N, C-alpha and C. Protein backbone atom coordinates (compact mmCIF):
# COMPACT_ATOMS: atom_id res chain seq x y z
N UNK A 1 6.16 -4.25 16.21
CA UNK A 1 5.51 -4.93 16.42
C UNK A 1 4.41 -4.39 17.09
N UNK A 2 3.28 -4.97 16.47
CA UNK A 2 2.18 -5.00 17.24
C UNK A 2 0.98 -5.84 17.82
N UNK A 3 0.68 -5.72 19.29
CA UNK A 3 0.20 -6.58 19.97
C UNK A 3 -1.20 -6.19 20.60
N UNK A 4 -2.30 -7.13 20.34
CA UNK A 4 -3.53 -7.06 20.54
C UNK A 4 -3.40 -7.59 22.26
N UNK A 5 -4.61 -6.53 22.72
CA UNK A 5 -4.68 -6.62 24.53
C UNK A 5 -6.36 -6.54 24.65
N UNK A 6 -6.69 -7.42 24.96
CA UNK A 6 -8.35 -6.96 25.39
C UNK A 6 -8.47 -5.84 26.67
N UNK A 7 -9.43 -5.15 26.94
CA UNK A 7 -9.66 -4.06 27.53
C UNK A 7 -9.56 -4.52 29.21
N UNK A 8 -9.94 -5.73 29.29
CA UNK A 8 -10.16 -6.58 30.48
C UNK A 8 -8.21 -6.52 31.83
N UNK A 9 -7.29 -6.19 30.35
CA UNK A 9 -5.69 -6.44 30.75
C UNK A 9 -5.77 -5.05 31.38
N UNK A 10 -4.92 -5.16 32.85
CA UNK A 10 -4.76 -4.04 33.50
C UNK A 10 -3.68 -3.16 33.43
N UNK A 11 -2.73 -3.89 32.44
CA UNK A 11 -1.36 -3.48 32.04
C UNK A 11 -0.31 -2.97 32.54
N UNK A 12 -0.82 -2.98 34.12
CA UNK A 12 0.34 -3.15 35.18
C UNK A 12 1.78 -3.45 34.75
N UNK A 13 1.97 -4.55 34.37
CA UNK A 13 3.22 -5.21 34.16
C UNK A 13 3.82 -4.40 32.97
N UNK A 14 3.29 -4.16 32.15
CA UNK A 14 3.68 -3.13 30.97
C UNK A 14 3.95 -1.47 31.38
N UNK A 15 3.50 -1.32 32.15
CA UNK A 15 3.70 -0.48 32.62
C UNK A 15 4.96 -0.20 34.02
N UNK A 16 5.00 -1.36 34.56
CA UNK A 16 5.99 -1.38 35.37
C UNK A 16 7.40 -1.94 34.85
N UNK A 17 7.54 -2.45 33.34
CA UNK A 17 8.69 -2.82 32.50
C UNK A 17 9.72 -1.87 32.52
N UNK A 18 10.50 -1.72 32.07
CA UNK A 18 11.54 -0.65 31.80
C UNK A 18 11.09 -0.37 30.31
N UNK A 19 11.19 0.80 29.48
CA UNK A 19 10.80 1.69 28.65
C UNK A 19 11.57 0.78 27.34
N UNK A 20 13.10 0.39 27.34
CA UNK A 20 13.37 -0.04 26.37
C UNK A 20 12.75 -1.31 25.91
N UNK A 21 11.99 -2.47 27.29
CA UNK A 21 11.53 -3.48 27.09
C UNK A 21 10.28 -3.11 25.98
N UNK A 22 9.83 -2.51 25.95
CA UNK A 22 8.45 -2.00 24.65
C UNK A 22 8.88 -1.22 24.21
N UNK A 23 10.12 -0.56 23.78
CA UNK A 23 10.54 0.34 22.85
C UNK A 23 10.08 -0.41 20.86
N UNK A 24 9.24 0.22 20.44
CA UNK A 24 9.08 -0.49 18.98
C UNK A 24 7.63 -1.24 18.99
N UNK A 25 6.71 -1.53 20.26
CA UNK A 25 5.47 -1.94 20.07
C UNK A 25 4.83 -1.08 20.29
N UNK A 26 3.31 -1.71 19.70
CA UNK A 26 2.12 -0.66 19.89
C UNK A 26 1.09 -1.86 20.28
N UNK A 27 0.43 -1.36 21.36
CA UNK A 27 -0.71 -2.04 21.54
C UNK A 27 -2.00 -1.88 21.66
N UNK A 28 -2.52 -2.42 21.01
CA UNK A 28 -4.23 -2.23 20.91
C UNK A 28 -5.00 -2.95 21.96
N UNK A 29 -5.60 -1.93 22.35
CA UNK A 29 -6.55 -2.43 23.69
C UNK A 29 -7.63 -2.84 22.81
N UNK A 30 -8.76 -4.09 23.01
CA UNK A 30 -9.51 -5.12 22.58
C UNK A 30 -10.40 -5.33 23.20
N UNK A 31 -11.77 -5.41 22.66
CA UNK A 31 -12.87 -5.96 23.86
C UNK A 31 -12.85 -7.17 24.40
N UNK A 32 -12.60 -7.49 25.41
CA UNK A 32 -13.07 -9.02 25.86
C UNK A 32 -13.78 -9.68 25.08
N UNK A 33 -14.95 -9.33 24.45
CA UNK A 33 -15.49 -10.37 23.34
C UNK A 33 -14.93 -11.04 22.50
N UNK A 34 -13.70 -10.54 22.12
CA UNK A 34 -13.13 -10.76 20.82
C UNK A 34 -11.92 -12.07 21.52
N UNK A 35 -12.82 -13.62 21.71
CA UNK A 35 -12.24 -14.54 22.40
C UNK A 35 -11.31 -15.22 21.48
N UNK A 36 -11.69 -15.17 20.09
CA UNK A 36 -11.09 -15.87 19.35
C UNK A 36 -9.41 -15.70 19.42
N UNK A 37 -9.14 -14.05 19.17
CA UNK A 37 -8.01 -13.70 18.98
C UNK A 37 -7.52 -14.11 20.56
N UNK A 38 -7.75 -13.81 21.39
CA UNK A 38 -6.93 -14.21 23.01
C UNK A 38 -6.72 -15.95 23.06
N UNK A 39 -7.93 -16.73 22.91
CA UNK A 39 -7.59 -18.11 22.70
C UNK A 39 -6.24 -18.54 21.68
N UNK A 40 -6.18 -17.58 20.57
CA UNK A 40 -5.78 -18.32 19.64
C UNK A 40 -4.40 -18.05 19.37
N UNK A 41 -4.20 -16.48 20.27
CA UNK A 41 -2.93 -15.78 20.01
C UNK A 41 -2.60 -15.08 18.91
N UNK A 42 -3.53 -14.89 17.65
CA UNK A 42 -3.38 -14.24 16.41
C UNK A 42 -4.90 -14.16 16.00
N UNK A 43 -4.62 -12.92 15.97
CA UNK A 43 -5.88 -11.59 15.03
C UNK A 43 -6.61 -12.51 14.27
N UNK A 44 -7.78 -12.70 13.66
CA UNK A 44 -8.04 -12.76 12.35
C UNK A 44 -7.75 -11.61 11.46
N UNK A 45 -7.81 -11.92 10.37
CA UNK A 45 -7.15 -11.28 9.01
C UNK A 45 -7.84 -10.02 9.26
N UNK A 46 -9.33 -10.27 9.32
CA UNK A 46 -9.92 -8.69 9.12
C UNK A 46 -9.83 -7.86 10.36
N UNK A 47 -9.59 -8.60 11.56
CA UNK A 47 -9.36 -7.49 12.72
C UNK A 47 -7.87 -7.00 12.59
N UNK A 48 -6.97 -7.49 11.86
CA UNK A 48 -5.96 -7.33 11.89
C UNK A 48 -5.57 -6.18 10.92
N UNK A 49 -6.59 -6.05 9.98
CA UNK A 49 -6.73 -5.19 8.67
C UNK A 49 -7.35 -3.86 9.78
N UNK A 50 -8.14 -4.10 10.85
CA UNK A 50 -9.08 -3.17 11.49
C UNK A 50 -7.56 -2.15 12.53
N UNK A 51 -6.90 -3.39 12.80
CA UNK A 51 -5.75 -2.11 13.73
C UNK A 51 -4.87 -1.87 12.90
N UNK A 52 -4.93 -2.10 11.49
CA UNK A 52 -3.62 -1.34 10.49
C UNK A 52 -3.95 -0.47 10.13
N UNK A 53 -5.67 -0.29 9.87
CA UNK A 53 -6.57 1.09 9.19
C UNK A 53 -6.32 2.03 10.28
N UNK A 54 -6.40 1.72 12.00
CA UNK A 54 -6.52 2.46 12.98
C UNK A 54 -5.06 3.30 13.25
N UNK A 55 -3.98 2.36 12.87
CA UNK A 55 -3.10 3.01 13.61
C UNK A 55 -1.64 3.18 12.49
N UNK A 56 -1.92 2.70 11.22
CA UNK A 56 -0.87 3.25 10.80
C UNK A 56 -1.05 4.54 9.31
N UNK A 57 -0.11 5.21 8.45
CA UNK A 57 -0.31 6.04 7.91
C UNK A 57 -1.73 5.46 6.82
N UNK A 58 -2.38 6.70 6.59
CA UNK A 58 -3.24 5.76 5.41
C UNK A 58 -2.59 5.33 4.10
N UNK A 59 -1.20 6.04 3.46
CA UNK A 59 -0.68 5.12 2.54
C UNK A 59 -0.51 3.74 2.48
N UNK A 60 -0.17 3.72 3.89
CA UNK A 60 0.70 2.36 4.62
C UNK A 60 -0.20 1.27 4.63
N UNK A 61 -1.55 1.75 5.34
CA UNK A 61 -2.91 1.01 5.61
C UNK A 61 -3.67 0.48 3.94
N UNK A 62 -3.75 1.17 2.85
CA UNK A 62 -3.72 1.03 1.62
C UNK A 62 -3.01 0.33 1.18
N UNK A 63 -1.36 0.09 1.14
CA UNK A 63 -0.41 -1.19 0.78
C UNK A 63 -1.68 -2.51 1.67
N UNK A 64 -1.30 -2.24 3.06
CA UNK A 64 -1.75 -3.55 3.26
C UNK A 64 -3.10 -4.11 3.01
N UNK A 65 -3.89 -3.05 3.02
CA UNK A 65 -5.74 -3.70 2.42
C UNK A 65 -5.61 -3.99 1.35
N UNK A 66 -4.60 -3.56 -0.08
CA UNK A 66 -4.70 -4.13 -1.13
C UNK A 66 -4.30 -5.05 -1.54
N UNK A 67 -3.07 -5.63 -0.20
CA UNK A 67 -2.67 -6.84 -0.53
C UNK A 67 -3.08 -7.81 0.14
N UNK A 68 -3.87 -7.60 0.81
CA UNK A 68 -5.14 -8.46 1.60
C UNK A 68 -5.85 -9.22 0.37
N UNK A 69 -6.60 -8.07 -0.38
CA UNK A 69 -7.31 -7.95 -1.69
C UNK A 69 -6.49 -8.76 -2.86
N UNK A 70 -5.53 -8.60 -2.92
CA UNK A 70 -4.72 -9.07 -4.53
C UNK A 70 -4.64 -10.76 -4.17
N UNK A 71 -4.03 -10.86 -2.95
CA UNK A 71 -3.59 -12.34 -2.53
C UNK A 71 -4.67 -13.14 -1.98
N UNK A 72 -5.86 -12.48 -1.87
CA UNK A 72 -7.11 -13.15 -1.85
C UNK A 72 -7.61 -13.54 -0.50
N UNK A 73 -6.91 -12.93 0.60
CA UNK A 73 -6.78 -13.42 2.02
C UNK A 73 -8.04 -12.54 2.39
N UNK A 74 -8.60 -11.55 2.07
CA UNK A 74 -9.90 -10.88 2.46
C UNK A 74 -10.71 -10.91 1.26
N UNK A 75 -11.90 -10.68 1.33
CA UNK A 75 -12.81 -10.19 0.55
C UNK A 75 -12.70 -8.69 0.19
N UNK A 76 -13.09 -8.05 -0.61
CA UNK A 76 -13.78 -6.57 -0.92
C UNK A 76 -14.54 -6.61 -0.30
N UNK A 77 -16.14 -7.35 0.03
CA UNK A 77 -16.89 -7.06 0.88
C UNK A 77 -16.67 -6.87 2.60
N UNK A 78 -15.81 -8.08 2.89
CA UNK A 78 -14.92 -7.80 4.11
C UNK A 78 -14.19 -6.91 4.61
N UNK A 79 -13.07 -6.39 3.61
CA UNK A 79 -12.42 -4.47 3.93
C UNK A 79 -13.88 -3.72 3.92
N UNK A 80 -14.07 -3.73 3.36
CA UNK A 80 -15.27 -2.47 3.26
C UNK A 80 -16.00 -2.19 4.32
N UNK A 81 -16.67 -3.55 4.94
CA UNK A 81 -17.66 -3.66 5.96
C UNK A 81 -16.44 -3.55 7.02
N UNK A 82 -15.39 -3.56 7.65
CA UNK A 82 -14.56 -3.27 8.20
C UNK A 82 -14.19 -1.75 8.50
N UNK A 83 -13.79 -1.19 7.11
CA UNK A 83 -13.68 0.25 6.63
C UNK A 83 -14.58 1.43 7.59
N UNK A 84 -15.96 0.63 6.81
CA UNK A 84 -17.31 1.32 7.25
C UNK A 84 -17.80 1.37 8.58
N UNK A 85 -17.10 0.43 9.64
CA UNK A 85 -17.43 0.93 10.64
C UNK A 85 -16.26 1.48 11.57
N UNK A 86 -15.46 2.35 10.98
CA UNK A 86 -14.45 2.87 11.87
C UNK A 86 -14.63 4.30 11.31
N UNK A 87 -14.41 5.45 12.07
CA UNK A 87 -14.01 6.72 12.23
C UNK A 87 -13.84 7.14 10.85
N UNK A 88 -14.32 8.33 10.65
CA UNK A 88 -14.74 8.84 9.22
C UNK A 88 -13.16 9.02 8.39
N UNK A 89 -11.89 9.01 9.15
CA UNK A 89 -10.90 9.89 8.69
C UNK A 89 -10.32 8.28 7.90
N UNK A 90 -11.04 7.19 8.44
CA UNK A 90 -10.14 5.78 8.01
C UNK A 90 -11.27 5.38 6.93
N UNK A 91 -12.66 5.84 6.94
CA UNK A 91 -13.46 5.51 5.95
C UNK A 91 -13.41 6.15 4.85
N UNK A 92 -12.51 7.07 4.59
CA UNK A 92 -12.32 7.56 3.73
C UNK A 92 -11.40 7.06 2.40
N UNK A 93 -10.99 6.04 3.29
CA UNK A 93 -10.12 4.96 2.24
C UNK A 93 -10.83 3.96 2.03
N UNK A 94 -11.73 3.65 1.96
CA UNK A 94 -12.80 2.70 1.18
C UNK A 94 -12.70 2.60 -0.27
N UNK A 95 -13.13 3.73 -0.78
CA UNK A 95 -13.12 3.87 -2.57
C UNK A 95 -11.97 3.58 -2.95
N UNK A 96 -10.69 4.00 -2.23
CA UNK A 96 -9.68 3.48 -2.78
C UNK A 96 -9.10 2.26 -2.62
N UNK A 97 -9.36 1.39 -1.91
CA UNK A 97 -8.42 -0.16 -2.18
C UNK A 97 -8.98 -0.71 -2.80
N UNK A 98 -7.96 -1.35 -3.29
CA UNK A 98 -7.84 -2.08 -5.03
C UNK A 98 -6.93 -2.96 -5.10
N UNK A 99 -7.87 -4.31 -5.39
CA UNK A 99 -7.02 -5.62 -5.39
C UNK A 99 -6.07 -5.60 -6.57
N UNK A 100 -6.07 -4.94 -7.64
CA UNK A 100 -5.12 -4.96 -8.64
C UNK A 100 -3.79 -4.97 -8.45
N UNK A 101 -3.33 -3.93 -7.26
CA UNK A 101 -2.27 -3.59 -7.12
C UNK A 101 -1.49 -4.45 -6.77
N UNK A 102 -0.34 -4.99 -7.62
CA UNK A 102 0.50 -6.37 -7.27
C UNK A 102 1.56 -6.26 -5.94
N UNK A 103 2.19 -5.14 -5.66
CA UNK A 103 2.97 -4.90 -4.79
C UNK A 103 2.69 -3.61 -4.23
N UNK A 104 2.70 -3.31 -2.59
CA UNK A 104 2.64 -2.04 -1.74
C UNK A 104 3.09 -1.32 -2.29
N UNK A 105 4.35 -0.95 -2.91
CA UNK A 105 4.91 0.11 -3.03
C UNK A 105 3.79 0.61 -4.43
N UNK A 106 3.69 -0.24 -5.20
CA UNK A 106 2.45 0.72 -6.03
C UNK A 106 1.13 1.21 -5.32
N UNK A 107 0.85 0.62 -4.44
CA UNK A 107 -0.76 0.88 -3.47
C UNK A 107 0.15 2.14 -3.10
N UNK A 108 1.02 2.40 -2.50
CA UNK A 108 1.37 3.62 -1.72
C UNK A 108 1.53 4.69 -2.63
N UNK A 109 2.32 4.38 -3.83
CA UNK A 109 2.50 5.65 -5.10
C UNK A 109 0.98 6.09 -5.52
N UNK A 110 0.00 4.84 -5.97
CA UNK A 110 -1.38 5.09 -6.13
C UNK A 110 -2.13 6.03 -5.17
N UNK A 111 -1.86 5.89 -4.17
CA UNK A 111 -2.61 6.46 -2.74
C UNK A 111 -1.66 7.79 -2.95
N UNK A 112 -0.92 8.32 -3.13
CA UNK A 112 0.10 9.20 -2.78
C UNK A 112 -0.18 10.27 -4.48
N UNK A 113 -0.27 9.86 -4.77
CA UNK A 113 -0.83 10.12 -6.69
C UNK A 113 -2.28 10.99 -5.93
N UNK A 114 -3.38 10.14 -5.64
CA UNK A 114 -4.77 10.46 -5.45
C UNK A 114 -4.80 11.78 -4.19
N UNK A 115 -3.98 11.64 -3.43
CA UNK A 115 -3.88 12.67 -3.08
C UNK A 115 -3.44 14.16 -3.05
N UNK A 116 -2.94 14.08 -4.35
CA UNK A 116 -2.72 15.66 -4.99
C UNK A 116 -3.55 15.23 -6.30
N UNK A 117 -4.28 14.57 -6.44
CA UNK A 117 -5.12 15.39 -7.27
C UNK A 117 -5.40 14.64 -8.71
N UNK A 118 -4.03 13.06 -8.66
CA UNK A 118 -3.76 12.62 -9.69
C UNK A 118 -4.20 10.88 -10.02
N UNK A 119 -5.25 10.51 -10.61
CA UNK A 119 -5.44 9.34 -10.75
C UNK A 119 -4.69 8.30 -11.04
N UNK A 120 -4.19 7.22 -10.84
CA UNK A 120 -3.50 6.18 -11.51
C UNK A 120 -4.25 5.27 -11.19
N UNK A 121 -4.39 4.33 -12.73
CA UNK A 121 -5.12 2.85 -12.73
C UNK A 121 -3.69 2.12 -12.66
N UNK A 122 -3.78 0.72 -11.44
CA UNK A 122 -3.19 -0.22 -11.61
C UNK A 122 -2.99 -1.39 -12.30
N UNK A 123 -2.23 -1.75 -12.64
CA UNK A 123 -1.58 -3.10 -13.73
C UNK A 123 -2.52 -2.72 -14.87
N UNK A 124 -2.20 -1.80 -16.02
CA UNK A 124 -3.25 -1.88 -17.08
C UNK A 124 -2.26 -2.81 -18.50
N UNK A 125 -3.43 -3.40 -18.97
CA UNK A 125 -2.40 -4.15 -20.20
C UNK A 125 -2.07 -2.91 -21.37
N UNK A 126 -0.70 -3.10 -21.63
CA UNK A 126 -0.99 -2.73 -22.73
C UNK A 126 -0.25 -3.65 -23.89
N UNK A 127 -1.09 -3.63 -25.40
CA UNK A 127 -1.09 -4.65 -26.66
C UNK A 127 0.01 -4.96 -26.88
N UNK A 128 1.09 -5.91 -26.62
CA UNK A 128 2.29 -6.35 -27.08
C UNK A 128 3.58 -5.88 -26.09
N UNK A 129 2.90 -5.31 -24.91
CA UNK A 129 4.21 -4.78 -23.92
C UNK A 129 3.85 -5.70 -22.88
N UNK A 130 2.77 -6.10 -22.07
CA UNK A 130 2.47 -6.36 -20.95
C UNK A 130 1.58 -5.42 -20.14
N UNK A 131 1.68 -5.63 -18.81
CA UNK A 131 0.81 -4.55 -17.58
C UNK A 131 1.85 -3.81 -17.37
N UNK A 132 1.00 -2.48 -17.58
CA UNK A 132 2.30 -1.47 -16.78
C UNK A 132 1.63 -1.45 -15.24
N UNK A 133 2.80 -0.85 -14.08
CA UNK A 133 2.08 -1.13 -12.73
C UNK A 133 1.33 0.06 -12.77
N UNK A 134 1.01 1.62 -13.02
CA UNK A 134 0.40 2.55 -12.87
C UNK A 134 0.27 3.24 -14.02
N UNK A 135 -0.89 3.50 -14.73
CA UNK A 135 -1.17 4.21 -15.65
C UNK A 135 -2.06 5.56 -15.31
N UNK A 136 -1.59 7.19 -16.07
CA UNK A 136 -2.35 7.95 -15.60
C UNK A 136 -2.58 8.52 -17.29
N UNK A 137 -4.01 8.85 -17.12
CA UNK A 137 -4.60 9.60 -18.41
C UNK A 137 -4.25 8.86 -19.58
N UNK A 138 -3.86 7.71 -19.81
CA UNK A 138 -4.00 6.35 -20.66
C UNK A 138 -2.43 6.63 -21.40
N UNK A 139 -1.78 7.32 -20.36
CA UNK A 139 -0.45 7.65 -22.03
C UNK A 139 0.99 7.67 -20.93
N UNK A 140 0.84 8.06 -20.09
CA UNK A 140 1.69 8.12 -18.94
C UNK A 140 1.95 6.82 -17.62
N UNK A 141 2.85 6.00 -17.82
CA UNK A 141 3.03 5.19 -17.10
C UNK A 141 4.26 5.22 -15.92
N UNK A 142 3.97 4.91 -15.11
CA UNK A 142 4.43 4.69 -13.86
C UNK A 142 4.92 3.58 -13.19
N UNK A 143 6.30 2.62 -13.34
CA UNK A 143 6.90 1.78 -13.41
C UNK A 143 7.80 1.64 -12.46
N UNK A 144 7.38 0.65 -11.28
CA UNK A 144 8.00 0.93 -9.94
C UNK A 144 9.20 -0.69 -9.73
N UNK A 145 10.13 -0.19 -9.34
CA UNK A 145 11.08 -1.31 -9.28
C UNK A 145 11.16 -1.52 -7.60
N UNK A 146 10.87 -3.25 -7.57
CA UNK A 146 10.78 -3.32 -6.07
C UNK A 146 12.07 -3.23 -5.20
N UNK A 147 11.88 -3.57 -4.58
CA UNK A 147 13.20 -3.90 -2.80
C UNK A 147 14.73 -4.25 -3.74
N UNK A 148 13.89 -5.16 -4.67
CA UNK A 148 15.42 -6.09 -5.38
C UNK A 148 16.12 -5.31 -6.32
N UNK A 149 17.32 -5.34 -6.25
CA UNK A 149 17.84 -4.52 -7.39
C UNK A 149 17.64 -4.83 -8.63
N UNK A 150 17.82 -3.56 -9.46
CA UNK A 150 17.55 -4.35 -11.02
C UNK A 150 19.30 -4.15 -11.71
N UNK A 151 20.33 -4.15 -11.08
CA UNK A 151 21.50 -3.77 -11.42
C UNK A 151 21.95 -4.81 -12.51
N UNK A 152 21.29 -6.09 -12.23
CA UNK A 152 21.65 -7.26 -13.02
C UNK A 152 21.32 -6.92 -14.82
N UNK A 153 22.10 -6.83 -15.58
CA UNK A 153 21.98 -6.03 -16.78
C UNK A 153 21.12 -6.93 -17.65
N UNK A 154 20.73 -7.62 -17.43
CA UNK A 154 19.58 -8.73 -18.18
C UNK A 154 18.14 -7.52 -17.98
N UNK A 155 18.34 -7.56 -16.68
CA UNK A 155 16.74 -7.06 -15.92
C UNK A 155 16.98 -5.35 -16.43
N UNK A 156 18.18 -4.81 -16.63
CA UNK A 156 18.24 -3.35 -16.82
C UNK A 156 17.92 -3.39 -18.74
N UNK A 157 18.43 -4.07 -19.63
CA UNK A 157 17.79 -4.06 -20.81
C UNK A 157 16.54 -4.22 -20.75
N UNK A 158 16.25 -5.48 -20.19
CA UNK A 158 15.07 -5.48 -20.44
C UNK A 158 13.76 -4.57 -20.25
N UNK A 159 13.85 -3.76 -19.03
CA UNK A 159 13.16 -2.36 -18.64
C UNK A 159 13.23 -1.69 -20.05
N UNK A 160 14.67 -1.53 -20.11
CA UNK A 160 14.94 0.02 -21.53
C UNK A 160 13.88 -0.82 -22.66
N UNK A 161 14.14 -2.16 -23.01
CA UNK A 161 13.35 -2.76 -23.84
C UNK A 161 11.75 -2.31 -24.21
N UNK A 162 11.21 -2.51 -22.98
CA UNK A 162 9.84 -2.38 -22.28
C UNK A 162 9.54 -1.30 -22.67
N UNK A 163 10.56 0.08 -22.19
CA UNK A 163 9.99 1.19 -22.47
C UNK A 163 10.15 2.02 -23.84
N UNK A 164 10.85 1.57 -24.78
CA UNK A 164 10.98 1.60 -26.03
C UNK A 164 9.86 1.10 -26.37
N UNK A 165 9.31 0.19 -26.15
CA UNK A 165 7.80 -0.84 -26.65
C UNK A 165 6.87 0.28 -26.26
N UNK A 166 6.66 0.59 -24.90
CA UNK A 166 5.76 1.49 -24.77
C UNK A 166 5.43 2.98 -25.36
N UNK A 167 6.71 3.67 -25.84
CA UNK A 167 6.61 4.65 -26.28
C UNK A 167 6.01 4.59 -27.76
N UNK A 168 6.18 3.49 -28.12
CA UNK A 168 5.60 2.83 -29.73
C UNK A 168 4.30 2.88 -29.60
N UNK A 169 3.73 2.63 -28.24
CA UNK A 169 2.42 2.37 -28.33
C UNK A 169 1.57 3.93 -27.77
N UNK A 170 2.47 5.09 -27.53
CA UNK A 170 2.34 6.21 -27.47
C UNK A 170 2.02 6.54 -25.60
N UNK A 171 2.69 5.46 -25.17
CA UNK A 171 2.94 5.62 -23.49
C UNK A 171 4.18 5.80 -23.21
N UNK A 172 4.53 7.01 -22.42
CA UNK A 172 5.51 7.50 -21.62
C UNK A 172 5.73 6.52 -20.52
N UNK A 173 7.11 6.02 -20.43
CA UNK A 173 7.27 5.77 -19.17
C UNK A 173 8.27 5.84 -18.09
N UNK A 174 8.03 6.16 -16.65
CA UNK A 174 8.82 6.92 -15.72
C UNK A 174 9.20 5.87 -14.84
N UNK A 175 10.55 5.87 -14.52
CA UNK A 175 11.26 4.31 -13.82
C UNK A 175 11.18 5.32 -12.31
N UNK A 176 10.63 4.53 -10.94
CA UNK A 176 11.13 5.13 -9.80
C UNK A 176 11.59 3.40 -9.35
N UNK A 177 12.32 3.71 -7.90
CA UNK A 177 12.63 2.76 -7.17
C UNK A 177 11.71 2.67 -6.23
N UNK A 178 11.86 1.48 -5.12
CA UNK A 178 11.13 1.14 -4.23
C UNK A 178 11.75 2.50 -3.48
N UNK A 179 13.11 2.63 -2.93
CA UNK A 179 13.38 4.05 -2.26
C UNK A 179 12.71 4.94 -2.42
N UNK A 180 12.64 5.61 -4.06
CA UNK A 180 12.13 6.95 -4.05
C UNK A 180 11.03 7.32 -3.68
N UNK A 181 9.90 5.93 -3.67
CA UNK A 181 8.68 5.85 -3.09
C UNK A 181 8.60 6.52 -1.86
N UNK A 182 9.46 5.62 -1.15
CA UNK A 182 9.19 5.76 0.50
C UNK A 182 10.00 6.98 1.13
N UNK A 183 11.17 7.17 0.71
CA UNK A 183 11.95 8.69 0.95
C UNK A 183 12.30 9.59 -0.20
N UNK A 184 11.60 9.39 -1.11
CA UNK A 184 12.03 10.74 -2.17
C UNK A 184 10.67 10.77 -2.75
N UNK A 185 9.74 11.02 -1.96
CA UNK A 185 8.22 11.41 -2.98
C UNK A 185 7.94 12.38 -3.21
N UNK A 186 8.46 13.54 -3.18
CA UNK A 186 8.71 14.86 -3.75
C UNK A 186 9.18 15.20 -5.06
N UNK A 187 10.06 14.19 -5.49
CA UNK A 187 11.19 14.15 -6.84
C UNK A 187 9.85 13.45 -7.48
N UNK A 188 9.23 12.25 -7.23
CA UNK A 188 8.42 11.57 -7.96
C UNK A 188 7.27 12.67 -8.57
N UNK A 189 6.36 13.11 -7.38
CA UNK A 189 5.12 14.02 -7.81
C UNK A 189 5.77 14.94 -8.62
N UNK A 190 6.67 15.54 -8.42
CA UNK A 190 7.10 16.94 -9.07
C UNK A 190 7.34 16.28 -11.24
N UNK A 191 8.28 15.34 -10.56
CA UNK A 191 8.48 14.78 -12.37
C UNK A 191 6.99 14.42 -12.89
N UNK A 192 6.16 13.56 -12.53
CA UNK A 192 5.02 13.73 -13.02
C UNK A 192 3.97 14.38 -13.03
N UNK A 193 4.12 15.50 -12.38
CA UNK A 193 3.18 16.94 -12.54
C UNK A 193 4.17 17.38 -13.87
N UNK A 194 5.47 17.45 -13.99
CA UNK A 194 5.98 18.25 -15.16
C UNK A 194 5.71 17.67 -16.36
N UNK A 195 5.68 16.09 -16.40
CA UNK A 195 5.25 15.36 -17.83
C UNK A 195 3.47 15.46 -17.76
N UNK A 196 2.95 15.48 -16.79
CA UNK A 196 1.72 16.00 -17.55
C UNK A 196 1.41 17.64 -17.79
N UNK A 197 1.97 18.57 -17.48
CA UNK A 197 2.24 19.78 -17.80
C UNK A 197 2.41 19.63 -19.39
N UNK A 198 3.65 19.08 -19.80
CA UNK A 198 4.17 19.57 -20.98
C UNK A 198 3.71 18.59 -21.96
N UNK A 199 2.66 17.85 -21.47
CA UNK A 199 1.74 16.89 -23.00
C UNK A 199 0.92 17.78 -23.36
């Protein structure tokens, strides 16, 4: 949990509390001029975006910022202005924000591929097939399964059919899960790099 506090708060109660009472809580000390945040008890969207960009790793910050744009909770200009006022290591995220990503997992994978020097374009339409999650060099599709399991036979069969249709259009599809992206990133990166080398 993340809690925003004004600079005027002295934090004595927090320091006096037992450690386990604040376990898992990140406190963001803010300026007392942010009256709306204190009066309403909730941070405005762009202020929350600022907190996120400051405290989360870049791949997670990108996922949140992309989601704000995709869900039309913030404008690109608003997000860019927040990032422009931040330290250099956060400002570098500005050109990478992309509201076309439909899921956070796509944003995370796209950012991590970018870190490896690989450009992946989100939600590219392929005629007769539909959109692919990420497309690299116009021929390598990265399809990402969300947290929901694809164990149902119908979904599994539809994915295999989709991969076959993509290949007919000259697009090779690699399928990875939510868990692969979050916990086994080296596997994905090595697989993508191997496919690019062999093409």
